[in-house]
Amino acid sequence: MLAASVRYYLSRCKLSRCPLKKHNSLDIMMLSKKILITLALLFLILALTGCQDPYTPVIQQPQLASAQILGYSVQQRPIELITIGTGEEKVMIIATIHGNEDAGTPLVYHLLDKLRARPDFLTGRTVLIVPLANPDGQANRTRHNASGIDLNRNFPASNRINNEVHGQQGLTEPESTLLYDLVLTHRPAHIVSIHQPLYCLDYDGPGEEIARHMGQYCSLPVKKLGSRPGSMGSFVGVEKNIPIITMELAKEDSDLTTAQLWDRYGRALLAAITYPESPY
């Protein structure tokens, strides 16, 4: 179409008055060719720049949750830590330190889904979750780990009792050592450890107020059971002064679906995270 327009212009030009009369036909053809090339380049530049939608940069959203392998059990099963949130205050939740008390594992995985859907619960907070602290015990359906040691009696508390079940000294097991290192590395504001089957909210150290706050959102009564020898509660709660709440579910809770577990205990876990504020 551009070539036709130029030819039309040249045919209508009266050479007696046109400045092109000083040029021969070859000069005119060369000039028209240059005009065509110039116009073609102009339209190409417009097509590549002015006719496109403005560039919108893609902003990468930060990863809300991340997972890592803390280490391995006696039988070389991985022990996972899931971290969600980036706030300064840290809350730690541990499930299934006793292998046959495993209702807490699906419960905390569902908690992760809820926190991803409602990141406002995480404002100013980071939640550290160990979904399965005793994978060998769960696989073998035993309270103890694969070495026959009760991991929740294997901490280096001053009240510990050395024996074949508790360990001849503190931290003889890889699983308890991982938890010990995790707590001392992060020093959370408070810890929730999920157990069965005593159906209550127990606490060690300065944890009573948090336990009562959680108790407003579930049917578990608050009870002080006492600090067991060599337990995480004795070491972390009493000796390190970190509030620790033992969330004892019912024995039959292992038969519930994840949705049923969440209906019973989910709000109490959220309350532990948002303490001292209400989760709703």
C-alpha atoms as a PDB file:
ATOM      1  CA  MET A   1       0.000   0.000   0.000  1.00  0.00           C
ATOM      2  CA  LEU A   2       2.902   2.366   0.730  1.00  0.00           C
ATOM      3  CA  ALA A   3       4.462   1.696  -2.685  1.00  0.00           C
ATOM      4  CA  ALA A   4       1.174   2.430  -4.441  1.00  0.00           C
ATOM      5  CA  SER A   5       0.847   5.726  -2.584  1.00  0.00           C
ATOM      6  CA  VAL A   6       4.320   6.832  -3.632  1.00  0.00           C
ATOM      7  CA  ARG A   7       3.712   5.853  -7.272  1.00  0.00           C
ATOM      8  CA  TYR A   8       0.426   7.791  -7.243  1.00  0.00           C
ATOM      9  CA  TYR A   9       2.212  10.867  -5.901  1.00  0.00           C
ATOM     10  CA  LEU A  10       4.936  10.679  -8.543  1.00  0.00           C
ATOM     11  CA  SER A  11       2.452  10.223 -11.381  1.00  0.00           C
ATOM     12  CA  ARG A  12       0.504  13.310 -10.332  1.00  0.00           C
ATOM     13  CA  CYS A  13       3.597  15.462  -9.894  1.00  0.00           C
ATOM     14  CA  LYS A  14       4.037  18.097 -12.649  1.00  0.00           C
ATOM     15  CA  LEU A  15       7.722  17.968 -13.340  1.00  0.00           C
ATOM     16  CA  SER A  16       7.749  21.605 -14.445  1.00  0.00           C
ATOM     17  CA  ARG A  17       6.880  22.665 -10.913  1.00  0.00           C
ATOM     18  CA  CYS A  18       8.127  19.667  -8.931  1.00  0.00           C
ATOM     19  CA  PRO A  19      11.592  19.735  -7.368  1.00  0.00           C
ATOM     20  CA  LEU A  20      12.036  16.196  -8.628  1.00  0.00           C
ATOM     21  CA  LYS A  21      12.348  17.494 -12.222  1.00  0.00           C
ATOM     22  CA  LYS A  22      16.040  18.077 -11.682  1.00  0.00           C
ATOM     23  CA  HIS A  23      16.577  14.369 -11.238  1.00  0.00           C
ATOM     24  CA  ASN A  24      16.431  11.682 -13.836  1.00  0.00           C
ATOM     25  CA  SER A  25      14.137   8.674 -13.537  1.00  0.00           C
ATOM     26  CA  LEU A  26      16.821   6.598 -11.795  1.00  0.00           C
ATOM     27  CA  ASP A  27      17.248   9.241  -9.096  1.00  0.00           C
ATOM     28  CA  ILE A  28      13.497   9.322  -8.572  1.00  0.00           C
ATOM     29  CA  MET A  29      13.338   5.553  -8.192  1.00  0.00           C
ATOM     30  CA  MET A  30      16.190   5.595  -5.671  1.00  0.00           C
ATOM     31  CA  LEU A  31      14.476   8.339  -3.680  1.00  0.00           C
ATOM     32  CA  SER A  32      11.165   6.514  -3.615  1.00  0.00           C
ATOM     33  CA  LYS A  33      12.933   3.361  -2.472  1.00  0.00           C
ATOM     34  CA  LYS A  34      14.542   5.261   0.430  1.00  0.00           C
ATOM     35  CA  ILE A  35      11.155   6.692   1.394  1.00  0.00           C
ATOM     36  CA  LEU A  36       9.630   3.213   1.404  1.00  0.00           C
ATOM     37  CA  ILE A  37      12.456   1.815   3.541  1.00  0.00           C
ATOM     38  CA  THR A  38      12.198   4.718   6.003  1.00  0.00           C
ATOM     39  CA  LEU A  39       8.425   4.315   6.360  1.00  0.00           C
ATOM     40  CA  ALA A  40       8.760   0.554   6.755  1.00  0.00           C
ATOM     41  CA  LEU A  41      11.304   1.009   9.550  1.00  0.00           C
ATOM     42  CA  LEU A  42       9.035   3.543  11.238  1.00  0.00           C
ATOM     43  CA  PHE A  43       6.071   1.156  11.238  1.00  0.00           C
ATOM     44  CA  LEU A  44       8.302  -1.663  12.523  1.00  0.00           C
ATOM     45  CA  ILE A  45       9.477   0.467  15.450  1.00  0.00           C
ATOM     46  CA  LEU A  46       5.883   1.388  16.301  1.00  0.00           C
ATOM     47  CA  ALA A  47       4.850  -2.240  16.163  1.00  0.00           C
ATOM     48  CA  LEU A  48       7.624  -3.277  18.521  1.00  0.00           C
ATOM     49  CA  THR A  49       7.116  -0.477  21.028  1.00  0.00           C
ATOM     50  CA  GLY A  50       4.092   1.734  20.890  1.00  0.00           C
ATOM     51  CA  CYS A  51       1.564  -0.902  19.873  1.00  0.00           C
ATOM     52  CA  GLN A  52       2.308  -3.380  22.664  1.00  0.00           C
ATOM     53  CA  ASP A  53       0.813  -3.475  26.131  1.00  0.00           C
ATOM     54  CA  PRO A  54       3.045  -1.822  28.722  1.00  0.00           C
ATOM     55  CA  TYR A  55       5.400  -4.250  30.505  1.00  0.00           C
ATOM     56  CA  THR A  56       4.244  -5.322  33.934  1.00  0.00           C
ATOM     57  CA  PRO A  57       6.985  -6.867  36.088  1.00  0.00           C
ATOM     58  CA  VAL A  58       6.150 -10.157  37.841  1.00  0.00           C
ATOM     59  CA  ILE A  59       6.716  -9.847  41.580  1.00  0.00           C
ATOM     60  CA  GLN A  60       7.641 -13.125  43.247  1.00  0.00           C
ATOM     61  CA  GLN A  61       5.616 -13.725  46.403  1.00  0.00           C
ATOM     62  CA  PRO A  62       7.616 -14.911  49.425  1.00  0.00           C
ATOM     63  CA  GLN A  63       7.325 -18.579  50.352  1.00  0.00           C
ATOM     64  CA  LEU A  64       4.953 -18.814  53.328  1.00  0.00           C
ATOM     65  CA  ALA A  65       6.063 -22.260  54.529  1.00  0.00           C
ATOM     66  CA  SER A  66       9.256 -24.238  54.179  1.00  0.00           C
ATOM     67  CA  ALA A  67      10.245 -27.772  55.144  1.00  0.00           C
ATOM     68  CA  GLN A  68      13.576 -29.252  56.110  1.00  0.00           C
ATOM     69  CA  ILE A  69      14.902 -32.536  57.422  1.00  0.00           C
ATOM     70  CA  LEU A  70      16.217 -32.034  60.947  1.00  0.00           C
ATOM     71  CA  GLY A  71      17.839 -35.455  60.986  1.00  0.00           C
ATOM     72  CA  TYR A  72      16.998 -39.134  61.117  1.00  0.00           C
ATOM     73  CA  SER A  73      15.634 -41.635  63.591  1.00  0.00           C
ATOM     74  CA  VAL A  74      17.417 -44.770  64.796  1.00  0.00           C
ATOM     75  CA  GLN A  75      15.995 -46.650  61.794  1.00  0.00           C
ATOM     76  CA  GLN A  76      16.910 -43.778  59.461  1.00  0.00           C
ATOM     77  CA  ARG A  77      13.441 -42.336  58.976  1.00  0.00           C
ATOM     78  CA  PRO A  78      13.464 -38.569  58.362  1.00  0.00           C
ATOM     79  CA  ILE A  79      12.276 -36.164  61.045  1.00  0.00           C
ATOM     80  CA  GLU A  80      10.821 -33.074  59.430  1.00  0.00           C
ATOM     81  CA  LEU A  81      10.548 -29.484  60.582  1.00  0.00           C
ATOM     82  CA  ILE A  82       8.010 -27.238  58.868  1.00  0.00           C
ATOM     83  CA  THR A  83       8.406 -23.505  59.398  1.00  0.00           C
ATOM     84  CA  ILE A  84       5.572 -21.154  58.517  1.00  0.00           C
ATOM     85  CA  GLY A  85       5.578 -17.377  58.936  1.00  0.00           C
ATOM     86  CA  THR A  86       8.389 -14.878  59.346  1.00  0.00           C
ATOM     87  CA  GLY A  87       7.477 -13.023  62.534  1.00  0.00           C
ATOM     88  CA  GLU A  88       9.728 -12.431  65.508  1.00  0.00           C
ATOM     89  CA  GLU A  89       7.694 -14.415  68.060  1.00  0.00           C
ATOM     90  CA  LYS A  90       8.154 -18.173  67.686  1.00  0.00           C
ATOM     91  CA  VAL A  91       5.684 -20.872  68.676  1.00  0.00           C
ATOM     92  CA  MET A  92       6.715 -24.531  68.495  1.00  0.00           C
ATOM     93  CA  ILE A  93       4.306 -27.454  68.078  1.00  0.00           C
ATOM     94  CA  ILE A  94       5.492 -31.065  68.395  1.00  0.00           C
ATOM     95  CA  ALA A  95       3.413 -34.170  67.661  1.00  0.00           C
ATOM     96  CA  THR A  96       3.901 -37.909  68.242  1.00  0.00           C
ATOM     97  CA  ILE A  97       6.973 -38.013  70.465  1.00  0.00           C
ATOM     98  CA  HIS A  98       5.357 -41.253  71.658  1.00  0.00           C
ATOM     99  CA  GLY A  99       4.851 -43.381  68.559  1.00  0.00           C
ATOM    100  CA  ASN A 100       1.507 -44.893  69.537  1.00  0.00           C
ATOM    101  CA  GLU A 101       0.049 -41.456  70.376  1.00  0.00           C
ATOM    102  CA  ASP A 102      -0.186 -40.244  66.801  1.00  0.00           C
ATOM    103  CA  ALA A 103      -3.510 -38.404  66.510  1.00  0.00           C
ATOM    104  CA  GLY A 104      -1.529 -35.177  66.662  1.00  0.00           C
ATOM    105  CA  THR A 105       0.221 -35.786  63.339  1.00  0.00           C
ATOM    106  CA  PRO A 106      -2.792 -35.378  61.009  1.00  0.00           C
ATOM    107  CA  LEU A 107      -4.023 -32.596  63.280  1.00  0.00           C
ATOM    108  CA  VAL A 108      -0.897 -30.459  62.815  1.00  0.00           C
ATOM    109  CA  TYR A 109      -0.784 -31.086  59.069  1.00  0.00           C
ATOM    110  CA  HIS A 110      -4.329 -29.749  58.899  1.00  0.00           C
ATOM    111  CA  LEU A 111      -3.206 -26.801  61.011  1.00  0.00           C
ATOM    112  CA  LEU A 112      -0.648 -26.015  58.314  1.00  0.00           C
ATOM    113  CA  ASP A 113      -3.386 -25.931  55.689  1.00  0.00           C
ATOM    114  CA  LYS A 114      -5.383 -23.519  57.841  1.00  0.00           C
ATOM    115  CA  LEU A 115      -2.395 -21.230  58.374  1.00  0.00           C
ATOM    116  CA  ARG A 116      -1.693 -21.135  54.639  1.00  0.00           C
ATOM    117  CA  ALA A 117      -5.302 -20.150  54.031  1.00  0.00           C
ATOM    118  CA  ARG A 118      -5.305 -17.576  56.858  1.00  0.00           C
ATOM    119  CA  PRO A 119      -1.851 -15.987  57.036  1.00  0.00           C
ATOM    120  CA  ASP A 120      -3.283 -13.250  59.264  1.00  0.00           C
ATOM    121  CA  PHE A 121      -2.926 -15.741  62.140  1.00  0.00           C
ATOM    122  CA  LEU A 122       0.823 -15.467  61.581  1.00  0.00           C
ATOM    123  CA  THR A 123       1.137 -11.703  61.907  1.00  0.00           C
ATOM    124  CA  GLY A 124       4.292 -11.092  63.926  1.00  0.00           C
ATOM    125  CA  ARG A 125       4.814 -14.832  64.418  1.00  0.00           C
ATOM    126  CA  THR A 126       6.707 -17.839  63.150  1.00  0.00           C
ATOM    127  CA  VAL A 127       5.337 -21.319  63.835  1.00  0.00           C
ATOM    128  CA  LEU A 128       7.760 -24.252  63.984  1.00  0.00           C
ATOM    129  CA  ILE A 129       6.058 -27.637  63.590  1.00  0.00           C
ATOM    130  CA  VAL A 130       7.514 -31.116  64.042  1.00  0.00           C
ATOM    131  CA  PRO A 131       4.654 -33.304  62.753  1.00  0.00           C
ATOM    132  CA  LEU A 132       6.221 -36.669  63.657  1.00  0.00           C
ATOM    133  CA  ALA A 133       8.933 -36.679  66.306  1.00  0.00           C
ATOM    134  CA  ASN A 134       9.108 -40.477  66.685  1.00  0.00           C
ATOM    135  CA  PRO A 135       8.654 -42.012  63.217  1.00  0.00           C
ATOM    136  CA  ASP A 136      10.057 -45.419  64.223  1.00  0.00           C
ATOM    137  CA  GLY A 137       7.658 -45.664  67.137  1.00  0.00           C
ATOM    138  CA  GLN A 138       4.724 -44.784  64.905  1.00  0.00           C
ATOM    139  CA  ALA A 139       5.781 -47.334  62.284  1.00  0.00           C
ATOM    140  CA  ASN A 140       6.221 -50.024  64.944  1.00  0.00           C
ATOM    141  CA  ARG A 141       3.139 -48.953  66.959  1.00  0.00           C
ATOM    142  CA  THR A 142       5.158 -48.490  70.136  1.00  0.00           C
ATOM    143  CA  ARG A 143       5.470 -45.703  72.675  1.00  0.00           C
ATOM    144  CA  HIS A 144       9.262 -45.888  72.558  1.00  0.00           C
ATOM    145  CA  ASN A 145      11.711 -45.417  69.712  1.00  0.00           C
ATOM    146  CA  ALA A 146      13.424 -48.301  67.894  1.00  0.00           C
ATOM    147  CA  SER A 147      15.984 -48.588  70.708  1.00  0.00           C
ATOM    148  CA  GLY A 148      13.238 -49.058  73.291  1.00  0.00           C
ATOM    149  CA  ILE A 149      13.805 -45.625  74.859  1.00  0.00           C
ATOM    150  CA  ASP A 150      11.003 -43.316  75.966  1.00  0.00           C
ATOM    151  CA  LEU A 151      12.024 -40.125  74.172  1.00  0.00           C
ATOM    152  CA  ASN A 152      10.035 -37.969  76.582  1.00  0.00           C
ATOM    153  CA  ARG A 153      12.176 -39.259  79.460  1.00  0.00           C
ATOM    154  CA  ASN A 154      15.499 -38.822  77.642  1.00  0.00           C
ATOM    155  CA  PHE A 155      16.105 -35.113  78.240  1.00  0.00           C
ATOM    156  CA  PRO A 156      18.946 -33.911  80.511  1.00  0.00           C
ATOM    157  CA  ALA A 157      16.704 -32.575  83.269  1.00  0.00           C
ATOM    158  CA  SER A 158      18.026 -32.645  86.819  1.00  0.00           C
ATOM    159  CA  ASN A 159      15.157 -34.932  87.897  1.00  0.00           C
ATOM    160  CA  ARG A 160      15.882 -37.600  85.261  1.00  0.00           C
ATOM    161  CA  ILE A 161      16.236 -41.266  86.196  1.00  0.00           C
ATOM    162  CA  ASN A 162      18.845 -43.246  84.293  1.00  0.00           C
ATOM    163  CA  ASN A 163      17.698 -46.722  83.309  1.00  0.00           C
ATOM    164  CA  GLU A 164      17.100 -48.964  80.295  1.00  0.00           C
ATOM    165  CA  VAL A 165      13.845 -47.222  79.352  1.00  0.00           C
ATOM    166  CA  HIS A 166      14.820 -43.598  79.974  1.00  0.00           C
ATOM    167  CA  GLY A 167      18.404 -44.004  78.734  1.00  0.00           C
ATOM    168  CA  GLN A 168      21.549 -44.388  80.807  1.00  0.00           C
ATOM    169  CA  GLN A 169      22.039 -40.641  80.435  1.00  0.00           C
ATOM    170  CA  GLY A 170      20.263 -37.747  78.788  1.00  0.00           C
ATOM    171  CA  LEU A 171      20.138 -37.389  75.018  1.00  0.00           C
ATOM    172  CA  THR A 172      21.275 -40.890  74.117  1.00  0.00           C
ATOM    173  CA  GLU A 173      18.814 -40.931  71.190  1.00  0.00           C
ATOM    174  CA  PRO A 174      18.975 -39.036  67.889  1.00  0.00           C
ATOM    175  CA  GLU A 175      15.303 -38.055  68.095  1.00  0.00           C
ATOM    176  CA  SER A 176      15.512 -36.417  71.533  1.00  0.00           C
ATOM    177  CA  THR A 177      18.813 -34.760  70.612  1.00  0.00           C
ATOM    178  CA  LEU A 178      17.199 -33.179  67.548  1.00  0.00           C
ATOM    179  CA  LEU A 179      14.384 -31.728  69.667  1.00  0.00           C
ATOM    180  CA  TYR A 180      16.838 -30.509  72.307  1.00  0.00           C
ATOM    181  CA  ASP A 181      18.910 -28.696  69.676  1.00  0.00           C
ATOM    182  CA  LEU A 182      15.795 -27.272  68.016  1.00  0.00           C
ATOM    183  CA  VAL A 183      14.475 -25.758  71.239  1.00  0.00           C
ATOM    184  CA  LEU A 184      17.801 -24.245  72.283  1.00  0.00           C
ATOM    185  CA  THR A 185      18.443 -22.872  68.796  1.00  0.00           C
ATOM    186  CA  HIS A 186      15.091 -21.113  68.402  1.00  0.00           C
ATOM    187  CA  ARG A 187      14.075 -20.542  72.052  1.00  0.00           C
ATOM    188  CA  PRO A 188      10.361 -20.273  71.266  1.00  0.00           C
ATOM    189  CA  ALA A 189       7.989 -18.129  73.284  1.00  0.00           C
ATOM    190  CA  HIS A 190       6.103 -21.326  74.148  1.00  0.00           C
ATOM    191  CA  ILE A 191       5.733 -24.943  73.054  1.00  0.00           C
ATOM    192  CA  VAL A 192       2.745 -27.241  72.553  1.00  0.00           C
ATOM    193  CA  SER A 193       3.466 -30.977  72.646  1.00  0.00           C
ATOM    194  CA  ILE A 194       0.565 -33.200  71.566  1.00  0.00           C
ATOM    195  CA  HIS A 195       0.079 -36.518  73.377  1.00  0.00           C
ATOM    196  CA  GLN A 196      -2.599 -39.086  74.266  1.00  0.00           C
ATOM    197  CA  PRO A 197      -4.567 -40.442  76.158  1.00  0.00           C
ATOM    198  CA  LEU A 198      -5.026 -38.404  79.369  1.00  0.00           C
ATOM    199  CA  TYR A 199      -7.507 -35.884  77.900  1.00  0.00           C
ATOM    200  CA  CYS A 200      -6.361 -32.641  79.490  1.00  0.00           C
ATOM    201  CA  LEU A 201      -4.167 -29.590  79.072  1.00  0.00           C
ATOM    202  CA  ASP A 202      -1.113 -30.040  81.273  1.00  0.00           C
ATOM    203  CA  TYR A 203       1.650 -27.458  81.561  1.00  0.00           C
ATOM    204  CA  ASP A 204       5.190 -27.060  82.830  1.00  0.00           C
ATOM    205  CA  GLY A 205       7.106 -23.922  83.632  1.00  0.00           C
ATOM    206  CA  PRO A 206       5.148 -20.654  83.297  1.00  0.00           C
ATOM    207  CA  GLY A 207       2.552 -22.225  81.001  1.00  0.00           C
ATOM    208  CA  GLU A 208      -0.664 -22.133  83.037  1.00  0.00           C
ATOM    209  CA  GLU A 209      -2.055 -18.950  81.493  1.00  0.00           C
ATOM    210  CA  ILE A 210      -1.521 -20.259  77.952  1.00  0.00           C
ATOM    211  CA  ALA A 211      -3.115 -23.596  78.858  1.00  0.00           C
ATOM    212  CA  ARG A 212      -6.191 -21.815  80.215  1.00  0.00           C
ATOM    213  CA  HIS A 213      -6.337 -19.650  77.099  1.00  0.00           C
ATOM    214  CA  MET A 214      -6.334 -22.799  74.939  1.00  0.00           C
ATOM    215  CA  GLY A 215      -8.923 -24.400  77.196  1.00  0.00           C
ATOM    216  CA  GLN A 216     -11.458 -21.743  76.191  1.00  0.00           C
ATOM    217  CA  TYR A 217     -11.511 -23.214  72.674  1.00  0.00           C
ATOM    218  CA  CYS A 218     -11.828 -26.944  73.355  1.00  0.00           C
ATOM    219  CA  SER A 219     -13.317 -29.308  75.917  1.00  0.00           C
ATOM    220  CA  LEU A 220      -9.965 -30.387  77.415  1.00  0.00           C
ATOM    221  CA  PRO A 221      -9.766 -29.482  81.126  1.00  0.00           C
ATOM    222  CA  VAL A 222      -6.630 -27.803  82.465  1.00  0.00           C
ATOM    223  CA  LYS A 223      -4.796 -30.118  84.879  1.00  0.00           C
ATOM    224  CA  LYS A 224      -1.360 -29.953  86.491  1.00  0.00           C
ATOM    225  CA  LEU A 225       0.000 -33.488  86.232  1.00  0.00           C
ATOM    226  CA  GLY A 226       3.489 -32.702  87.482  1.00  0.00           C
ATOM    227  CA  SER A 227       6.847 -32.680  85.754  1.00  0.00           C
ATOM    228  CA  ARG A 228       7.900 -36.217  84.845  1.00  0.00           C
ATOM    229  CA  PRO A 229      11.533 -37.292  85.325  1.00  0.00           C
ATOM    230  CA  GLY A 230      13.683 -36.461  82.316  1.00  0.00           C
ATOM    231  CA  SER A 231      10.732 -35.143  80.320  1.00  0.00           C
ATOM    232  CA  MET A 232      10.735 -32.262  77.884  1.00  0.00           C
ATOM    233  CA  GLY A 233       8.454 -30.478  80.337  1.00  0.00           C
ATOM    234  CA  SER A 234      10.989 -30.840  83.141  1.00  0.00           C
ATOM    235  CA  PHE A 235      13.926 -29.685  81.057  1.00  0.00           C
ATOM    236  CA  VAL A 236      12.336 -27.021  78.841  1.00  0.00           C
ATOM    237  CA  GLY A 237       9.545 -25.805  81.106  1.00  0.00           C
ATOM    238  CA  VAL A 238      11.016 -26.005  84.591  1.00  0.00           C
ATOM    239  CA  GLU A 239      14.750 -25.589  83.953  1.00  0.00           C
ATOM    240  CA  LYS A 240      14.746 -23.364  80.845  1.00  0.00           C
ATOM    241  CA  ASN A 241      11.614 -21.455  81.924  1.00  0.00           C
ATOM    242  CA  ILE A 242       9.959 -21.816  78.509  1.00  0.00           C
ATOM    243  CA  PRO A 243       6.195 -22.367  78.835  1.00  0.00           C
ATOM    244  CA  ILE A 244       5.274 -25.819  77.554  1.00  0.00           C
ATOM    245  CA  ILE A 245       1.728 -27.125  77.256  1.00  0.00           C
ATOM    246  CA  THR A 246       1.108 -30.847  76.953  1.00  0.00           C
ATOM    247  CA  MET A 247      -2.067 -31.227  74.931  1.00  0.00           C
ATOM    248  CA  GLU A 248      -3.335 -34.676  75.929  1.00  0.00           C
ATOM    249  CA  LEU A 249      -5.980 -35.920  73.512  1.00  0.00           C
ATOM    250  CA  ALA A 250      -8.270 -38.891  74.137  1.00  0.00           C
ATOM    251  CA  LYS A 251      -7.183 -42.444  73.310  1.00  0.00           C
ATOM    252  CA  GLU A 252     -10.036 -42.921  70.848  1.00  0.00           C
ATOM    253  CA  ASP A 253      -9.034 -39.794  68.929  1.00  0.00           C
ATOM    254  CA  SER A 254      -6.716 -41.976  66.828  1.00  0.00           C
ATOM    255  CA  ASP A 255      -9.862 -43.374  65.191  1.00  0.00           C
ATOM    256  CA  LEU A 256     -11.189 -39.956  64.155  1.00  0.00           C
ATOM    257  CA  THR A 257     -10.901 -38.392  60.731  1.00  0.00           C
ATOM    258  CA  THR A 258      -8.739 -35.320  60.306  1.00  0.00           C
ATOM    259  CA  ALA A 259     -11.859 -33.174  59.995  1.00  0.00           C
ATOM    260  CA  GLN A 260     -13.213 -34.561  63.274  1.00  0.00           C
ATOM    261  CA  LEU A 261      -9.906 -33.950  65.028  1.00  0.00           C
ATOM    262  CA  TRP A 262      -9.895 -30.388  63.773  1.00  0.00           C
ATOM    263  CA  ASP A 263     -13.456 -29.807  64.969  1.00  0.00           C
ATOM    264  CA  ARG A 264     -12.437 -30.912  68.469  1.00  0.00           C
ATOM    265  CA  TYR A 265      -9.019 -29.327  68.847  1.00  0.00           C
ATOM    266  CA  GLY A 266      -8.229 -27.032  65.937  1.00  0.00           C
ATOM    267  CA  ARG A 267      -9.360 -23.807  67.544  1.00  0.00           C
ATOM    268  CA  ALA A 268      -7.298 -24.548  70.657  1.00  0.00           C
ATOM    269  CA  LEU A 269      -4.169 -24.906  68.516  1.00  0.00           C
ATOM    270  CA  LEU A 270      -4.911 -21.624  66.783  1.00  0.00           C
ATOM    271  CA  ALA A 271      -5.402 -20.040  70.216  1.00  0.00           C
ATOM    272  CA  ALA A 272      -1.942 -21.272  71.226  1.00  0.00           C
ATOM    273  CA  ILE A 273      -0.504 -19.500  68.189  1.00  0.00           C
ATOM    274  CA  THR A 274      -2.380 -16.214  68.612  1.00  0.00           C
ATOM    275  CA  TYR A 275      -2.018 -16.074  72.425  1.00  0.00           C
ATOM    276  CA  PRO A 276      -2.835 -13.816  74.214  1.00  0.00           C
ATOM    277  CA  GLU A 277      -5.272 -12.771  71.512  1.00  0.00           C
ATOM    278  CA  SER A 278      -8.339 -14.721  70.449  1.00  0.00           C
ATOM    279  CA  PRO A 279      -8.015 -16.519  67.100  1.00  0.00           C
ATOM    280  CA  TYR A 280     -11.535 -15.378  66.151  1.00  0.00           C
END
